[in-house]
Amino acid sequence: MKKFYSNKLAIVLFAFPALLVFTVMVFYPIVQAFVKSFYEWNGLGSGTFIGFDNYTKLFGDTVFKLSNKNALIFALVITVFQMTLASIFALVVSNKKVKGRNFLRVAYFIPVVLSVTVVCQLWLAILNADTGLLNAIFKALGINYEQNWLSDRHHAIYVIAFVNAWQWMGYQFALMMAGIKSIPNDYYEAARIDGASTLQAHSKVTIPLLKETYKICLTISLTGGVKAFTEMFIMTKGGPGNATYTLTYLMYKAAFREYRYGYGMASASILVIQCLVIILVINWLFRDKEDRRESRWSKKTGQVK
């Protein structure tokens, strides 16, 4: 095995197919989008080079600022909702004393396997101002709180974020269940011997050892929130007005409705940069203590690691 890993040619040959697929399917389109963002282009021909004009217009566009605000709200709502509930449900279901554990596992994961279109149509029916289930429940309970949930420009983004969070919470739940199962039972036995309660065992053992799982979940939810599109497209078409625009929806409208592909590619480039920044920040926040010590030591001694 050591001889194999020392063979650089073998490593290159085995890694080449994956690198080729990644380059063709991911890296090349990103580079092309970035290049085309410097052009005034309608999708046909070669376009006209205009430098940073698309970016200048983009940063001066009030819809661009609103889109970023909505993306931030969307990302925060789904992150808090999904990770909080997924953590609680995973800790509860991992307890062997809880009855119906297998049923709960399936129930929490069912929304994930449904089509996004099906989920959106389901919630459109539930949220309907006239015939929706939610308003009917309020009416039956005698609560005067009937709302036109998706027509309020101040609340629509929160409602759509809830729909996304409801559907994908089960995915985070599955990741956390897998993380909990990977923790050796010896740790919990040692905690019980030391007199720790179930809550203390989870706070001192489970949560710290789920660090890498939380890192993955946080990356998925934040980047997923920033590039949200499908729910807006199906449920509100970016409305009311432009109240539920995100950067992805702005890109879609500019490129595929208005045929301003250069402007749309500028939006796409900013979106890629935002996702990369989020990933880098999360990786920095979740660094091990040893890495942080080495980084501080390198700064003090002037060494470059």
Protein backbone atom coordinates (compact mmCIF):
# COMPACT_ATOMS: atom_id res chain seq x y z
CA MET A 1 0.00 0.00 0.00
CA LYS A 2 2.83 2.41 0.87
CA LYS A 3 4.49 1.57 -2.44
CA PHE A 4 1.25 2.38 -4.24
CA TYR A 5 0.81 5.76 -2.53
CA SER A 6 4.41 6.64 -3.37
CA ASN A 7 3.73 6.08 -7.07
CA LYS A 8 2.83 9.56 -8.30
CA LEU A 9 1.90 8.35 -11.77
CA ALA A 10 -0.71 5.96 -10.33
CA ILE A 11 -2.16 8.74 -8.18
CA VAL A 12 -2.43 11.04 -11.21
CA LEU A 13 -4.06 8.33 -13.35
CA PHE A 14 -6.69 7.51 -10.71
CA ALA A 15 -7.40 11.17 -9.89
CA PHE A 16 -7.52 12.36 -13.50
CA PRO A 17 -11.10 11.18 -14.36
CA ALA A 18 -12.56 12.93 -11.32
CA LEU A 19 -10.53 16.08 -12.00
CA LEU A 20 -11.62 16.03 -15.64
CA VAL A 21 -15.30 15.75 -14.75
CA PHE A 22 -14.96 18.50 -12.12
CA THR A 23 -13.17 20.79 -14.59
CA VAL A 24 -15.69 20.28 -17.40
CA MET A 25 -18.85 20.33 -15.28
CA VAL A 26 -17.95 22.86 -12.55
CA PHE A 27 -14.75 24.83 -12.99
CA TYR A 28 -15.04 25.68 -16.71
CA PRO A 29 -18.65 27.00 -16.47
CA ILE A 30 -17.66 29.18 -13.49
CA VAL A 31 -14.72 30.63 -15.40
CA GLN A 32 -16.91 31.23 -18.47
CA ALA A 33 -19.56 32.98 -16.36
CA PHE A 34 -16.90 35.23 -14.85
CA VAL A 35 -15.47 36.06 -18.31
CA LYS A 36 -18.91 36.81 -19.81
CA SER A 37 -19.71 39.12 -16.90
CA PHE A 38 -17.39 41.67 -18.53
CA TYR A 39 -19.45 41.67 -21.73
CA GLU A 40 -22.69 43.14 -22.92
CA TRP A 41 -24.12 39.93 -24.32
CA ASN A 42 -27.57 38.73 -25.31
CA GLY A 43 -26.63 35.05 -25.46
CA LEU A 44 -25.82 35.09 -29.17
CA GLY A 45 -22.58 35.99 -30.87
CA SER A 46 -19.46 37.10 -29.07
CA GLY A 47 -20.83 40.16 -27.26
CA THR A 48 -19.18 43.51 -26.60
CA PHE A 49 -16.50 43.94 -23.94
CA ILE A 50 -17.59 46.65 -21.48
CA GLY A 51 -15.22 46.01 -18.55
CA PHE A 52 -16.71 46.45 -15.10
CA ASP A 53 -19.90 48.21 -16.29
CA ASN A 54 -22.11 45.24 -15.38
CA TYR A 55 -20.68 45.20 -11.85
CA THR A 56 -21.08 48.97 -11.53
CA LYS A 57 -24.75 48.72 -12.52
CA LEU A 58 -25.22 45.69 -10.27
CA PHE A 59 -23.83 47.35 -7.14
CA GLY A 60 -25.93 50.43 -7.82
CA ASP A 61 -29.13 48.42 -8.27
CA THR A 62 -31.52 48.58 -5.29
CA VAL A 63 -32.86 45.13 -6.24
CA PHE A 64 -29.34 43.74 -5.85
CA LYS A 65 -29.19 45.09 -2.30
CA LEU A 66 -32.66 43.71 -1.54
CA SER A 67 -31.65 40.33 -3.01
CA ASN A 68 -28.64 40.11 -0.72
CA LYS A 69 -30.75 41.08 2.27
CA ASN A 70 -33.31 38.39 1.41
CA ALA A 71 -30.58 35.80 0.91
CA LEU A 72 -29.18 36.62 4.35
CA ILE A 73 -32.62 36.38 5.98
CA PHE A 74 -33.35 33.13 4.13
CA ALA A 75 -30.00 31.58 5.11
CA LEU A 76 -30.31 32.55 8.78
CA VAL A 77 -33.91 31.34 9.09
CA ILE A 78 -33.27 27.91 7.57
CA THR A 79 -29.98 27.50 9.46
CA VAL A 80 -31.50 28.24 12.88
CA PHE A 81 -34.65 26.22 12.19
CA GLN A 82 -32.97 23.18 10.64
CA MET A 83 -29.96 22.85 12.90
CA THR A 84 -31.88 23.49 16.12
CA LEU A 85 -34.70 21.06 15.41
CA ALA A 86 -32.42 18.50 13.77
CA SER A 87 -30.17 18.51 16.83
CA ILE A 88 -33.07 18.09 19.25
CA PHE A 89 -34.76 15.36 17.19
CA ALA A 90 -31.49 13.48 16.63
CA LEU A 91 -30.66 13.51 20.35
CA VAL A 92 -34.16 12.33 21.25
CA VAL A 93 -34.35 9.58 18.62
CA SER A 94 -30.85 8.33 19.47
CA ASN A 95 -32.15 7.45 22.95
CA LYS A 96 -33.01 3.74 22.88
CA LYS A 97 -35.65 4.27 25.56
CA VAL A 98 -37.80 6.40 23.20
CA LYS A 99 -40.68 4.40 21.75
CA GLY A 100 -41.42 4.61 18.05
CA ARG A 101 -37.85 5.59 17.14
CA ASN A 102 -38.01 3.92 13.71
CA PHE A 103 -41.27 5.65 12.85
CA LEU A 104 -39.88 9.04 13.88
CA ARG A 105 -36.78 8.53 11.73
CA VAL A 106 -38.93 7.91 8.67
CA ALA A 107 -41.40 10.70 9.48
CA TYR A 108 -38.69 13.34 9.84
CA PHE A 109 -37.08 12.32 6.54
CA ILE A 110 -40.23 12.02 4.38
CA PRO A 111 -40.28 15.71 3.24
CA VAL A 112 -36.72 15.35 1.91
CA VAL A 113 -37.68 12.67 -0.61
CA LEU A 114 -40.58 14.74 -1.96
CA SER A 115 -40.13 16.92 -5.02
CA VAL A 116 -39.60 20.63 -4.31
CA THR A 117 -42.50 21.36 -6.65
CA VAL A 118 -44.80 19.05 -4.68
CA VAL A 119 -43.79 20.64 -1.38
CA CYS A 120 -44.30 24.17 -2.74
CA GLN A 121 -47.74 23.30 -4.14
CA LEU A 122 -48.67 21.68 -0.82
CA TRP A 123 -47.76 24.82 1.12
CA LEU A 124 -49.42 27.09 -1.45
CA ALA A 125 -52.64 25.23 -0.70
CA ILE A 126 -52.08 25.44 3.06
CA LEU A 127 -51.24 29.16 2.93
CA ASN A 128 -54.04 30.17 0.56
CA ALA A 129 -55.75 33.27 1.95
CA ASP A 130 -59.29 32.10 1.13
CA THR A 131 -59.30 28.30 1.27
CA GLY A 132 -56.02 27.52 3.02
CA LEU A 133 -55.79 25.17 5.98
CA LEU A 134 -53.81 27.59 8.15
CA ASN A 135 -56.39 30.38 8.04
CA ALA A 136 -59.16 27.80 8.49
CA ILE A 137 -57.51 26.59 11.71
CA PHE A 138 -57.31 30.15 13.06
CA LYS A 139 -60.95 30.70 12.15
CA ALA A 140 -62.05 27.43 13.80
CA LEU A 141 -60.19 28.40 16.99
CA GLY A 142 -61.83 31.82 17.00
CA ILE A 143 -58.48 33.59 16.50
CA ASN A 144 -58.73 36.71 14.36
CA TYR A 145 -55.40 36.25 12.59
CA GLU A 146 -56.28 35.33 9.01
CA GLN A 147 -53.42 36.39 6.72
CA ASN A 148 -52.60 36.56 3.04
CA TRP A 149 -49.27 34.96 3.83
CA LEU A 150 -47.44 35.31 0.52
CA SER A 151 -48.80 38.72 -0.44
CA ASP A 152 -47.20 40.60 2.45
CA ARG A 153 -43.91 42.00 1.15
CA HIS A 154 -42.46 42.12 4.68
CA HIS A 155 -43.28 38.53 5.65
CA ALA A 156 -43.24 36.58 2.38
CA ILE A 157 -39.49 35.83 2.50
CA TYR A 158 -39.86 34.39 6.01
CA VAL A 159 -42.75 32.18 4.91
CA ILE A 160 -40.79 30.82 1.94
CA ALA A 161 -37.75 30.26 4.15
CA PHE A 162 -39.94 28.25 6.54
CA VAL A 163 -41.13 26.04 3.66
CA ASN A 164 -37.53 25.33 2.64
CA ALA A 165 -36.49 24.71 6.26
CA TRP A 166 -39.43 22.34 6.80
CA GLN A 167 -38.53 20.26 3.77
CA TRP A 168 -34.78 19.95 4.32
CA MET A 169 -34.64 19.66 8.10
CA GLY A 170 -34.79 15.89 7.70
CA TYR A 171 -31.55 15.93 5.70
CA GLN A 172 -29.74 17.67 8.56
CA PHE A 173 -31.40 15.23 10.96
CA ALA A 174 -30.02 12.26 8.99
CA LEU A 175 -26.49 13.71 9.02
CA MET A 176 -26.63 14.28 12.76
CA MET A 177 -28.01 10.79 13.41
CA ALA A 178 -25.10 9.37 11.43
CA GLY A 179 -22.69 11.50 13.46
CA ILE A 180 -24.18 10.34 16.77
CA LYS A 181 -23.99 6.68 15.70
CA SER A 182 -20.28 7.08 14.99
CA ILE A 183 -19.57 8.08 18.61
CA PRO A 184 -18.30 5.07 20.62
CA ASN A 185 -20.64 4.01 23.42
CA ASP A 186 -17.63 3.82 25.80
CA TYR A 187 -17.69 7.60 26.11
CA TYR A 188 -21.26 7.59 27.39
CA GLU A 189 -20.51 4.77 29.82
CA ALA A 190 -17.58 6.76 31.20
CA ALA A 191 -19.83 9.80 31.55
CA ARG A 192 -22.44 7.76 33.44
CA ILE A 193 -19.76 6.37 35.77
CA ASP A 194 -18.71 9.96 36.51
CA GLY A 195 -22.30 10.72 37.48
CA ALA A 196 -23.29 12.72 34.40
CA SER A 197 -26.97 12.96 33.52
CA THR A 198 -28.26 12.39 29.97
CA LEU A 199 -28.29 16.13 29.29
CA GLN A 200 -24.77 16.56 30.66
CA ALA A 201 -23.53 13.60 28.59
CA HIS A 202 -24.91 15.18 25.43
CA SER A 203 -23.47 18.61 26.25
CA LYS A 204 -20.01 17.26 27.18
CA VAL A 205 -19.73 14.30 24.80
CA THR A 206 -22.22 14.35 21.91
CA ILE A 207 -22.18 18.02 20.92
CA PRO A 208 -18.36 18.45 20.96
CA LEU A 209 -17.85 15.23 18.97
CA LEU A 210 -20.38 16.38 16.36
CA LYS A 211 -18.14 19.31 15.43
CA GLU A 212 -17.41 18.06 11.90
CA THR A 213 -21.06 17.16 11.36
CA TYR A 214 -22.14 20.65 12.44
CA LYS A 215 -19.55 22.11 10.09
CA ILE A 216 -21.05 20.22 7.15
CA CYS A 217 -24.63 21.09 8.15
CA LEU A 218 -23.78 24.76 8.57
CA THR A 219 -22.07 24.88 5.18
CA ILE A 220 -25.03 23.22 3.47
CA SER A 221 -27.66 25.45 5.07
CA LEU A 222 -25.86 28.79 4.65
CA THR A 223 -24.76 28.24 1.05
CA GLY A 224 -28.16 26.74 0.24
CA GLY A 225 -29.87 29.80 1.69
CA VAL A 226 -27.69 32.24 -0.23
CA LYS A 227 -28.37 30.54 -3.58
CA ALA A 228 -32.09 29.87 -2.95
CA PHE A 229 -34.23 30.03 -6.07
CA THR A 230 -36.74 27.23 -6.59
CA GLU A 231 -39.19 28.14 -3.82
CA MET A 232 -39.31 31.79 -4.95
CA PHE A 233 -39.81 30.78 -8.56
CA ILE A 234 -42.70 28.41 -7.80
CA MET A 235 -44.45 30.20 -4.95
CA THR A 236 -44.13 33.94 -5.62
CA LYS A 237 -42.22 34.55 -8.89
CA GLY A 238 -40.06 36.92 -6.86
CA GLY A 239 -43.10 38.88 -5.64
CA PRO A 240 -44.98 40.63 -4.32
CA GLY A 241 -43.14 43.13 -6.50
CA ASN A 242 -39.51 42.19 -5.94
CA ALA A 243 -39.91 41.40 -2.22
CA THR A 244 -38.66 37.81 -2.46
CA TYR A 245 -35.83 38.28 -4.95
CA THR A 246 -32.54 36.56 -4.22
CA LEU A 247 -29.31 36.91 -6.17
CA THR A 248 -30.09 33.67 -8.01
CA TYR A 249 -33.53 34.93 -9.01
CA LEU A 250 -32.03 38.25 -10.10
CA MET A 251 -29.56 36.33 -12.26
CA TYR A 252 -32.36 34.22 -13.75
CA LYS A 253 -34.51 37.22 -14.59
CA ALA A 254 -31.65 39.21 -16.14
CA ALA A 255 -30.32 36.32 -18.23
CA PHE A 256 -33.38 34.29 -19.23
CA ARG A 257 -36.17 36.86 -19.26
CA GLU A 258 -34.44 40.08 -20.25
CA TYR A 259 -31.62 38.44 -22.23
CA ARG A 260 -28.97 40.48 -20.42
CA TYR A 261 -26.61 37.57 -20.03
CA GLY A 262 -23.60 39.72 -19.13
CA TYR A 263 -25.51 41.29 -16.25
CA GLY A 264 -26.80 37.88 -15.18
CA MET A 265 -23.28 36.44 -15.25
CA ALA A 266 -22.10 39.31 -13.04
CA SER A 267 -24.78 38.30 -10.52
CA ALA A 268 -23.65 34.67 -10.80
CA SER A 269 -20.01 35.65 -10.20
CA ILE A 270 -20.93 37.55 -7.04
CA LEU A 271 -22.94 34.53 -5.88
CA VAL A 272 -19.95 32.21 -6.36
CA ILE A 273 -17.72 34.61 -4.41
CA GLN A 274 -20.27 34.80 -1.58
CA CYS A 275 -20.45 31.00 -1.32
CA LEU A 276 -16.65 30.72 -1.30
CA VAL A 277 -16.41 33.36 1.44
CA ILE A 278 -18.99 31.51 3.54
CA ILE A 279 -17.08 28.23 3.18
CA LEU A 280 -13.76 29.89 4.08
CA VAL A 281 -15.27 31.60 7.14
CA ILE A 282 -16.86 28.34 8.35
CA ASN A 283 -13.59 26.46 7.88
CA TRP A 284 -11.77 29.19 9.83
CA LEU A 285 -14.32 29.14 12.66
CA PHE A 286 -14.14 25.34 12.96
CA ARG A 287 -10.38 25.10 12.99
CA ASP A 288 -8.90 22.81 15.62
CA LYS A 289 -7.22 24.38 18.63
CA GLU A 290 -3.89 22.95 17.48
CA ASP A 291 -4.21 24.68 14.10
CA ARG A 292 -4.98 27.97 15.83
CA ARG A 293 -1.96 27.60 18.11
CA GLU A 294 0.28 26.86 15.13
CA SER A 295 -1.14 29.86 13.28
CA ARG A 296 -0.45 32.18 16.23
CA TRP A 297 3.04 30.71 16.64
CA SER A 298 3.78 31.23 12.94
CA LYS A 299 2.73 34.88 13.20
CA LYS A 300 4.90 35.43 16.27
CA THR A 301 7.99 33.81 14.77
CA GLY A 302 7.40 35.22 11.30
CA GLN A 303 7.29 31.77 9.75
CA VAL A 304 5.02 30.95 6.86
CA LYS A 305 3.31 27.61 7.16
